[in-house]
Every structure is written in C-alpha cells, then in structure tokens.
C-alpha cells in the first residue's frame, strides 16, 4: 500500500500556490473550468441548487 504524502509536502505546495486564485487551481487539477457566480444575478439558480442539495441530503 502506498503511503500518503507528508504534511511537509502539502505545506510546501501551499506555500507555492499561495495567492493563486482557487478557480485556477481547480481548473489546472481537474480540467474543469469554474464559472463565477454573481449572487444577485444568479439568485434563482443558486436557490434551486440549494433546494435540490437539501432534498438529496434528506433522501440519503
């Protein structure tokens, strides 16, 4: 079984990516682009996502 990387490894990584936007880190590690959300403009969509998330949690 492979060991997990050490805390020092992650501390080094965190120092190197400090100041890099989170959306960029996600895109570079997953290949998926993060779409910015405008809370006012996207309120209806956010409310629907929230309601669906609640129903998924309640059903599990």
N, C-alpha and C. Protein backbone atom coordinates (compact mmCIF):
# COMPACT_ATOMS: atom_id res chain seq x y z
N UNK A 1 0.85 -1.19 0.00
CA UNK A 1 0.00 0.00 0.00
C UNK A 1 0.89 1.24 0.00
N UNK A 2 0.58 2.21 -0.85
CA UNK A 2 1.35 3.45 -0.92
C UNK A 2 1.00 4.36 0.25
N UNK A 3 2.02 5.02 0.77
CA UNK A 3 1.79 5.97 1.85
C UNK A 3 1.29 7.29 1.28
N UNK A 4 0.53 8.00 2.07
CA UNK A 4 0.08 9.33 1.67
C UNK A 4 1.24 10.31 1.81
N UNK A 5 1.22 11.39 1.02
CA UNK A 5 2.29 12.40 1.14
C UNK A 5 2.29 13.00 2.55
N UNK A 6 3.45 13.46 2.97
CA UNK A 6 3.62 14.01 4.32
C UNK A 6 2.99 15.40 4.44
N UNK A 7 2.84 15.83 5.68
CA UNK A 7 2.33 17.19 5.94
C UNK A 7 3.29 18.23 5.38
N UNK A 8 4.58 17.93 5.43
CA UNK A 8 5.59 18.85 4.90
C UNK A 8 5.40 19.05 3.39
N UNK A 9 5.08 17.96 2.70
CA UNK A 9 4.82 18.03 1.26
C UNK A 9 3.70 19.02 0.98
N UNK A 10 2.59 18.88 1.72
CA UNK A 10 1.46 19.77 1.50
C UNK A 10 1.76 21.20 1.94
N UNK A 11 2.57 21.36 2.97
CA UNK A 11 2.96 22.71 3.40
C UNK A 11 3.75 23.39 2.29
N UNK A 12 4.64 22.65 1.63
CA UNK A 12 5.41 23.20 0.52
C UNK A 12 4.50 23.58 -0.64
N UNK A 13 3.57 22.72 -0.96
CA UNK A 13 2.62 23.01 -2.05
C UNK A 13 1.82 24.27 -1.72
N UNK A 14 1.34 24.37 -0.48
CA UNK A 14 0.52 25.52 -0.09
C UNK A 14 1.32 26.81 -0.20
N UNK A 15 2.60 26.78 0.14
CA UNK A 15 3.43 27.98 0.01
C UNK A 15 3.56 28.39 -1.45
N UNK A 16 3.69 27.40 -2.33
CA UNK A 16 3.89 27.69 -3.75
C UNK A 16 2.62 28.21 -4.42
N UNK A 17 1.45 27.80 -3.95
CA UNK A 17 0.22 28.24 -4.61
C UNK A 17 -0.47 29.39 -3.89
N UNK A 18 0.13 29.86 -2.81
CA UNK A 18 -0.45 31.00 -2.09
C UNK A 18 -0.61 32.17 -3.06
N UNK A 19 -1.77 32.74 -3.09
CA UNK A 19 -2.02 33.88 -3.97
C UNK A 19 -2.55 33.48 -5.34
N UNK A 20 -2.52 32.18 -5.66
CA UNK A 20 -3.08 31.71 -6.93
C UNK A 20 -4.58 31.56 -6.74
N UNK A 21 -5.39 32.11 -7.64
CA UNK A 21 -6.84 32.00 -7.49
C UNK A 21 -7.31 30.54 -7.41
N UNK A 22 -8.23 30.28 -6.50
CA UNK A 22 -8.76 28.93 -6.30
C UNK A 22 -9.33 28.36 -7.59
N UNK A 23 -10.03 29.19 -8.36
CA UNK A 23 -10.62 28.71 -9.61
C UNK A 23 -9.55 28.21 -10.57
N UNK A 24 -8.38 28.84 -10.57
CA UNK A 24 -7.27 28.41 -11.43
C UNK A 24 -6.73 27.06 -10.96
N UNK A 25 -6.58 26.89 -9.65
CA UNK A 25 -6.09 25.62 -9.10
C UNK A 25 -7.05 24.49 -9.49
N UNK A 26 -8.35 24.72 -9.34
CA UNK A 26 -9.34 23.70 -9.69
C UNK A 26 -9.26 23.36 -11.17
N UNK A 27 -9.19 24.38 -12.03
CA UNK A 27 -9.12 24.13 -13.47
C UNK A 27 -7.86 23.36 -13.85
N UNK A 28 -6.74 23.71 -13.27
CA UNK A 28 -5.48 23.04 -13.61
C UNK A 28 -5.41 21.61 -13.08
N UNK A 29 -6.08 21.33 -11.96
CA UNK A 29 -6.01 19.98 -11.39
C UNK A 29 -7.11 19.06 -11.90
N UNK A 30 -8.23 19.63 -12.36
CA UNK A 30 -9.34 18.78 -12.79
C UNK A 30 -9.66 18.91 -14.27
N UNK A 31 -9.23 20.01 -14.88
CA UNK A 31 -9.58 20.26 -16.27
C UNK A 31 -10.95 20.89 -16.41
N UNK A 32 -11.62 21.14 -15.29
CA UNK A 32 -12.96 21.73 -15.32
C UNK A 32 -12.87 23.22 -14.99
N UNK A 33 -13.46 24.03 -15.85
CA UNK A 33 -13.45 25.47 -15.64
C UNK A 33 -14.49 25.84 -14.57
N UNK A 34 -14.11 26.72 -13.68
CA UNK A 34 -15.02 27.21 -12.64
C UNK A 34 -15.69 28.47 -13.16
N UNK A 35 -17.00 28.45 -13.17
CA UNK A 35 -17.77 29.60 -13.66
C UNK A 35 -18.09 30.50 -12.48
N UNK A 36 -17.71 31.78 -12.56
CA UNK A 36 -18.00 32.69 -11.45
C UNK A 36 -19.51 32.86 -11.24
N UNK A 37 -19.89 33.07 -10.00
CA UNK A 37 -21.30 33.25 -9.66
C UNK A 37 -21.51 34.67 -9.17
N UNK A 38 -22.55 35.29 -9.68
CA UNK A 38 -22.98 36.60 -9.21
C UNK A 38 -24.22 36.35 -8.35
N UNK A 39 -24.09 36.57 -7.04
CA UNK A 39 -25.17 36.21 -6.12
C UNK A 39 -26.50 36.87 -6.46
N UNK A 40 -26.47 38.11 -6.91
CA UNK A 40 -27.72 38.79 -7.25
C UNK A 40 -28.28 38.28 -8.57
N UNK A 41 -27.44 38.25 -9.60
CA UNK A 41 -27.89 37.84 -10.93
C UNK A 41 -28.28 36.36 -10.97
N UNK A 42 -27.58 35.53 -10.20
CA UNK A 42 -27.78 34.09 -10.24
C UNK A 42 -28.61 33.56 -9.07
N UNK A 43 -29.32 34.46 -8.36
CA UNK A 43 -30.06 34.06 -7.17
C UNK A 43 -31.03 32.92 -7.43
N UNK A 44 -31.77 32.97 -8.52
CA UNK A 44 -32.76 31.93 -8.81
C UNK A 44 -32.08 30.57 -8.99
N UNK A 45 -30.98 30.55 -9.72
CA UNK A 45 -30.24 29.30 -9.95
C UNK A 45 -29.65 28.79 -8.63
N UNK A 46 -29.07 29.69 -7.84
CA UNK A 46 -28.48 29.30 -6.56
C UNK A 46 -29.54 28.73 -5.62
N UNK A 47 -30.71 29.36 -5.59
CA UNK A 47 -31.80 28.86 -4.74
C UNK A 47 -32.22 27.46 -5.17
N UNK A 48 -32.31 27.24 -6.49
CA UNK A 48 -32.71 25.92 -6.99
C UNK A 48 -31.65 24.87 -6.65
N UNK A 49 -30.38 25.20 -6.83
CA UNK A 49 -29.30 24.27 -6.48
C UNK A 49 -29.36 23.94 -4.99
N UNK A 50 -29.58 24.96 -4.16
CA UNK A 50 -29.66 24.76 -2.71
C UNK A 50 -30.81 23.81 -2.36
N UNK A 51 -31.98 24.06 -2.93
CA UNK A 51 -33.15 23.22 -2.65
C UNK A 51 -32.91 21.77 -3.07
N UNK A 52 -32.30 21.58 -4.24
CA UNK A 52 -32.02 20.22 -4.72
C UNK A 52 -31.00 19.54 -3.81
N UNK A 53 -30.00 20.29 -3.35
CA UNK A 53 -28.99 19.72 -2.45
C UNK A 53 -29.64 19.27 -1.14
N UNK A 54 -30.55 20.09 -0.62
CA UNK A 54 -31.27 19.73 0.61
C UNK A 54 -32.06 18.44 0.40
N UNK A 55 -32.76 18.32 -0.73
CA UNK A 55 -33.56 17.12 -0.97
C UNK A 55 -32.68 15.88 -1.13
N UNK A 56 -31.50 16.03 -1.72
CA UNK A 56 -30.58 14.89 -1.86
C UNK A 56 -30.12 14.43 -0.48
N UNK A 57 -29.78 15.38 0.39
CA UNK A 57 -29.32 15.03 1.73
C UNK A 57 -30.44 14.37 2.53
N UNK A 58 -31.65 14.89 2.40
CA UNK A 58 -32.78 14.33 3.13
C UNK A 58 -33.11 12.92 2.64
N UNK A 59 -32.91 12.66 1.35
CA UNK A 59 -33.22 11.34 0.78
C UNK A 59 -32.15 10.29 1.05
N UNK A 60 -30.99 10.73 1.52
CA UNK A 60 -29.91 9.75 1.72
C UNK A 60 -29.87 9.20 3.13
